[in-house]
C-alpha cells in the first residue's frame, strides 16, 4: 500500500531535536487533505550527519555537537593506531549532547545518517567506541543511491567510518581495543 503523496505540501510546524514537525496538503493519489508528522531531527550540514528520533528522547534545550576528529585532537593518535590495524582509511567523529553544562545521553533510540564518506575507498563499516575503550561494530544500512550510511543507536560518543579495504601487513586483524 502506498502512503500519501502530497501536492504542494505546507509546513505547519518545523521539526526540532525535541519536537516533531507537521506538514499538510492534498494527496495526489486519493485527493484527501491530510497531515504527516515529521520526526524529531537535527542536521549538521558541515559534517553531513543527520540525527532522527522520537519526541522525548532529548529534552527541550538539548544541544548536539558533532566534531570531525583530526590529528590535533588529543585522542586521535590512539584511535588511529587501533583503526589502522584493520582499515586503511577512516573518519572519526565525536557526537555528543549537552543541556546547560551537563553532558547527556539520549533517552531512547536515534537514527544517525552519515553522508560524507566518498573519500573512503571501497565499502564502509561503522564502529562506535565503548566506554571501556573497545570499538563495537555497528549494524548499518545504506540509502538506495549508496551515498548515505545509516545506523540505529541508543548512545552517543565516538564513531568511526572505516573503509573495508584491509591494510596489507602482518598485523593480526581483530576487533580494535584502546587501552
Foldseek 3Di string as FASTA:
>chain_A
DDDFDFDPKDWPADAAQAGKTKIWHAGPPPRDTDMDIHFHKDADPVQGKIKGDHHPQDDPQKDKDKDWDDPVDPCVVLVCVQQLQQFDDKIKMAIWIDHDHDTDFTPDKMKMKGQPDPVAPADKWKWFQDPQQFIDTFDWDADPVRRIIIGMDRGGTMMMIGHRDGDDDPRDDDGTGGD
